[in-house]
Amino acid sequence: MKYFIYCFYRIVKGNNGSAPYLSAYIAVSSLNYMHFLVLLTLIEGIVGIDIMPRNLNKIGIVISALPILILDYYLFFYKKKYLEIISKYEKSNKTKNPNLIVIGYIVATFFLLIATKELFFRL
């Protein structure tokens, strides 16, 4: 969980746009959704039962992502927790290449999703 929180902090600090907290929320929620898809794919591959249909439309994708968006809202924004996150990491930022850690984590998430799909669902 602390990796998601640290990713949130780094995206907020690296964003010069007009809505850094919203951008970080969307990015971290997308990472969580990809982890959810990897978990479902692993379960489907091991058990052999389709849990999610392969031809989801846009509404189905939004509905399946809604619980993750709600949980991430409570993780980052409920009672202004994002301010605590920012102040916590600004006090103890000792990493030499923090952006490298976040970028590596995001790339590893994409590769994990692709590898899991290829492993269990070869076309």
C-alpha atoms as a PDB file:
ATOM      1  CA  MET A   1       0.000   0.000   0.000  1.00  0.00           C
ATOM      2  CA  LYS A   2       2.852   2.390   0.724  1.00  0.00           C
ATOM      3  CA  TYR A   3       3.956   2.160  -2.929  1.00  0.00           C
ATOM      4  CA  PHE A   4       0.617   3.551  -4.066  1.00  0.00           C
ATOM      5  CA  ILE A   5       0.845   6.331  -1.518  1.00  0.00           C
ATOM      6  CA  TYR A   6       4.411   7.133  -2.574  1.00  0.00           C
ATOM      7  CA  CYS A   7       3.384   7.090  -6.255  1.00  0.00           C
ATOM      8  CA  PHE A   8       0.595   9.505  -5.364  1.00  0.00           C
ATOM      9  CA  TYR A   9       3.091  11.827  -3.681  1.00  0.00           C
ATOM     10  CA  ARG A  10       5.584  11.713  -6.577  1.00  0.00           C
ATOM     11  CA  ILE A  11       2.903  12.343  -9.198  1.00  0.00           C
ATOM     12  CA  VAL A  12       1.558  15.303  -7.210  1.00  0.00           C
ATOM     13  CA  LYS A  13       5.056  16.752  -6.823  1.00  0.00           C
ATOM     14  CA  GLY A  14       5.972  16.153 -10.455  1.00  0.00           C
ATOM     15  CA  ASN A  15       2.782  17.607 -11.897  1.00  0.00           C
ATOM     16  CA  ASN A  16       2.850  21.260 -12.860  1.00  0.00           C
ATOM     17  CA  GLY A  17      -0.684  21.245 -14.225  1.00  0.00           C
ATOM     18  CA  SER A  18      -3.792  22.818 -12.813  1.00  0.00           C
ATOM     19  CA  ALA A  19      -5.059  19.745 -10.922  1.00  0.00           C
ATOM     20  CA  PRO A  20      -2.125  17.735  -9.519  1.00  0.00           C
ATOM     21  CA  TYR A  21      -4.187  15.874  -6.911  1.00  0.00           C
ATOM     22  CA  LEU A  22      -6.789  14.779  -9.441  1.00  0.00           C
ATOM     23  CA  SER A  23      -4.085  13.650 -11.868  1.00  0.00           C
ATOM     24  CA  ALA A  24      -2.367  11.634  -9.153  1.00  0.00           C
ATOM     25  CA  TYR A  25      -5.696  10.125  -8.063  1.00  0.00           C
ATOM     26  CA  ILE A  26      -6.509   9.010 -11.610  1.00  0.00           C
ATOM     27  CA  ALA A  27      -3.012   7.622 -12.198  1.00  0.00           C
ATOM     28  CA  VAL A  28      -2.887   5.635  -8.954  1.00  0.00           C
ATOM     29  CA  SER A  29      -6.451   4.396  -9.442  1.00  0.00           C
ATOM     30  CA  SER A  30      -5.464   3.203 -12.917  1.00  0.00           C
ATOM     31  CA  LEU A  31      -2.529   1.292 -11.424  1.00  0.00           C
ATOM     32  CA  ASN A  32      -4.831  -0.265  -8.849  1.00  0.00           C
ATOM     33  CA  TYR A  33      -7.275  -1.256 -11.587  1.00  0.00           C
ATOM     34  CA  MET A  34      -4.454  -2.912 -13.546  1.00  0.00           C
ATOM     35  CA  HIS A  35      -3.465  -4.861 -10.437  1.00  0.00           C
ATOM     36  CA  PHE A  36      -7.100  -5.903 -10.067  1.00  0.00           C
ATOM     37  CA  LEU A  37      -7.096  -7.139 -13.678  1.00  0.00           C
ATOM     38  CA  VAL A  38      -3.876  -9.083 -13.109  1.00  0.00           C
ATOM     39  CA  LEU A  39      -5.391 -10.723 -10.040  1.00  0.00           C
ATOM     40  CA  LEU A  40      -8.556 -11.647 -11.935  1.00  0.00           C
ATOM     41  CA  THR A  41      -6.518 -13.033 -14.820  1.00  0.00           C
ATOM     42  CA  LEU A  42      -4.442 -15.169 -12.473  1.00  0.00           C
ATOM     43  CA  ILE A  43      -7.564 -16.517 -10.782  1.00  0.00           C
ATOM     44  CA  GLU A  44      -9.208 -17.217 -14.141  1.00  0.00           C
ATOM     45  CA  GLY A  45      -6.084 -18.966 -15.405  1.00  0.00           C
ATOM     46  CA  ILE A  46      -5.680 -21.136 -12.328  1.00  0.00           C
ATOM     47  CA  VAL A  47      -9.341 -22.004 -11.782  1.00  0.00           C
ATOM     48  CA  GLY A  48     -10.336 -22.032 -15.449  1.00  0.00           C
ATOM     49  CA  ILE A  49     -13.555 -20.054 -14.981  1.00  0.00           C
ATOM     50  CA  ASP A  50     -14.224 -16.704 -16.667  1.00  0.00           C
ATOM     51  CA  ILE A  51     -14.920 -14.130 -13.976  1.00  0.00           C
ATOM     52  CA  MET A  52     -15.012 -11.046 -16.205  1.00  0.00           C
ATOM     53  CA  PRO A  53     -16.417 -11.182 -19.719  1.00  0.00           C
ATOM     54  CA  ARG A  54     -13.912 -10.465 -22.508  1.00  0.00           C
ATOM     55  CA  ASN A  55     -16.145  -8.026 -24.376  1.00  0.00           C
ATOM     56  CA  LEU A  56     -16.885  -5.381 -21.766  1.00  0.00           C
ATOM     57  CA  ASN A  57     -18.295  -2.136 -23.082  1.00  0.00           C
ATOM     58  CA  LYS A  58     -17.379   1.261 -21.640  1.00  0.00           C
ATOM     59  CA  ILE A  59     -20.126   1.144 -19.030  1.00  0.00           C
ATOM     60  CA  GLY A  60     -18.959  -2.288 -17.840  1.00  0.00           C
ATOM     61  CA  ILE A  61     -15.400  -1.045 -17.464  1.00  0.00           C
ATOM     62  CA  VAL A  62     -16.556   1.974 -15.446  1.00  0.00           C
ATOM     63  CA  ILE A  63     -18.752  -0.199 -13.229  1.00  0.00           C
ATOM     64  CA  SER A  64     -15.899  -2.648 -12.603  1.00  0.00           C
ATOM     65  CA  ALA A  65     -13.517   0.227 -11.776  1.00  0.00           C
ATOM     66  CA  LEU A  66     -15.970   2.043  -9.507  1.00  0.00           C
ATOM     67  CA  PRO A  67     -15.103   0.141  -6.271  1.00  0.00           C
ATOM     68  CA  ILE A  68     -11.413   0.899  -6.801  1.00  0.00           C
ATOM     69  CA  LEU A  69     -12.150   4.577  -7.401  1.00  0.00           C
ATOM     70  CA  ILE A  70     -14.217   4.720  -4.209  1.00  0.00           C
ATOM     71  CA  LEU A  71     -11.535   2.968  -2.143  1.00  0.00           C
ATOM     72  CA  ASP A  72      -8.831   5.249  -3.521  1.00  0.00           C
ATOM     73  CA  TYR A  73     -10.967   8.279  -2.723  1.00  0.00           C
ATOM     74  CA  TYR A  74     -11.116   7.203   0.917  1.00  0.00           C
ATOM     75  CA  LEU A  75      -7.402   6.398   0.898  1.00  0.00           C
ATOM     76  CA  PHE A  76      -6.312   9.814  -0.429  1.00  0.00           C
ATOM     77  CA  PHE A  77      -9.051  12.427  -0.016  1.00  0.00           C
ATOM     78  CA  TYR A  78     -11.286  11.491   2.906  1.00  0.00           C
ATOM     79  CA  LYS A  79     -10.598  13.958   5.737  1.00  0.00           C
ATOM     80  CA  LYS A  80      -7.885  15.564   3.559  1.00  0.00           C
ATOM     81  CA  LYS A  81      -5.423  12.688   3.927  1.00  0.00           C
ATOM     82  CA  TYR A  82      -3.546  13.912   0.861  1.00  0.00           C
ATOM     83  CA  LEU A  83      -2.183  16.794   2.940  1.00  0.00           C
ATOM     84  CA  GLU A  84      -0.808  14.318   5.492  1.00  0.00           C
ATOM     85  CA  ILE A  85       0.778  12.261   2.699  1.00  0.00           C
ATOM     86  CA  ILE A  86       2.486  15.296   1.165  1.00  0.00           C
ATOM     87  CA  SER A  87       3.810  16.585   4.490  1.00  0.00           C
ATOM     88  CA  LYS A  88       5.011  13.104   5.534  1.00  0.00           C
ATOM     89  CA  TYR A  89       7.107  12.573   2.412  1.00  0.00           C
ATOM     90  CA  GLU A  90       8.379  16.146   2.240  1.00  0.00           C
ATOM     91  CA  LYS A  91       9.875  15.709   5.705  1.00  0.00           C
ATOM     92  CA  SER A  92      11.579  12.396   4.959  1.00  0.00           C
ATOM     93  CA  ASN A  93      12.492  12.469   1.267  1.00  0.00           C
ATOM     94  CA  LYS A  94      15.869  10.685   1.257  1.00  0.00           C
ATOM     95  CA  THR A  95      15.701   8.734  -2.011  1.00  0.00           C
ATOM     96  CA  LYS A  96      18.323   9.655  -4.628  1.00  0.00           C
ATOM     97  CA  ASN A  97      16.177   8.903  -7.703  1.00  0.00           C
ATOM     98  CA  PRO A  98      12.538   8.946  -6.584  1.00  0.00           C
ATOM     99  CA  ASN A  99      11.178   9.344 -10.110  1.00  0.00           C
ATOM    100  CA  LEU A 100      13.057   6.244 -11.204  1.00  0.00           C
ATOM    101  CA  ILE A 101      11.283   4.214  -8.529  1.00  0.00           C
ATOM    102  CA  VAL A 102       7.835   5.416  -9.613  1.00  0.00           C
ATOM    103  CA  ILE A 103       8.524   4.946 -13.319  1.00  0.00           C
ATOM    104  CA  GLY A 104       9.952   1.471 -12.661  1.00  0.00           C
ATOM    105  CA  TYR A 105       6.856   0.551 -10.655  1.00  0.00           C
ATOM    106  CA  ILE A 106       4.519   1.722 -13.413  1.00  0.00           C
ATOM    107  CA  VAL A 107       6.486  -0.108 -16.125  1.00  0.00           C
ATOM    108  CA  ALA A 108       6.574  -3.278 -14.006  1.00  0.00           C
ATOM    109  CA  THR A 109       2.785  -3.073 -13.587  1.00  0.00           C
ATOM    110  CA  PHE A 110       2.252  -2.871 -17.358  1.00  0.00           C
ATOM    111  CA  PHE A 111       4.616  -5.777 -18.006  1.00  0.00           C
ATOM    112  CA  LEU A 112       2.945  -7.860 -15.301  1.00  0.00           C
ATOM    113  CA  LEU A 113      -0.454  -7.266 -16.884  1.00  0.00           C
ATOM    114  CA  ILE A 114       0.804  -8.159 -20.362  1.00  0.00           C
ATOM    115  CA  ALA A 115       2.727 -11.221 -19.150  1.00  0.00           C
ATOM    116  CA  THR A 116      -0.258 -12.529 -17.219  1.00  0.00           C
ATOM    117  CA  LYS A 117      -2.567 -12.131 -20.197  1.00  0.00           C
ATOM    118  CA  GLU A 118      -0.054 -13.852 -22.483  1.00  0.00           C
ATOM    119  CA  LEU A 119       0.525 -16.674 -20.035  1.00  0.00           C
ATOM    120  CA  PHE A 120      -3.086 -17.660 -19.601  1.00  0.00           C
ATOM    121  CA  PHE A 121      -4.815 -16.395 -22.726  1.00  0.00           C
ATOM    122  CA  ARG A 122      -2.681 -17.136 -25.749  1.00  0.00           C
ATOM    123  CA  LEU A 123      -4.418 -16.345 -29.000  1.00  0.00           C
END
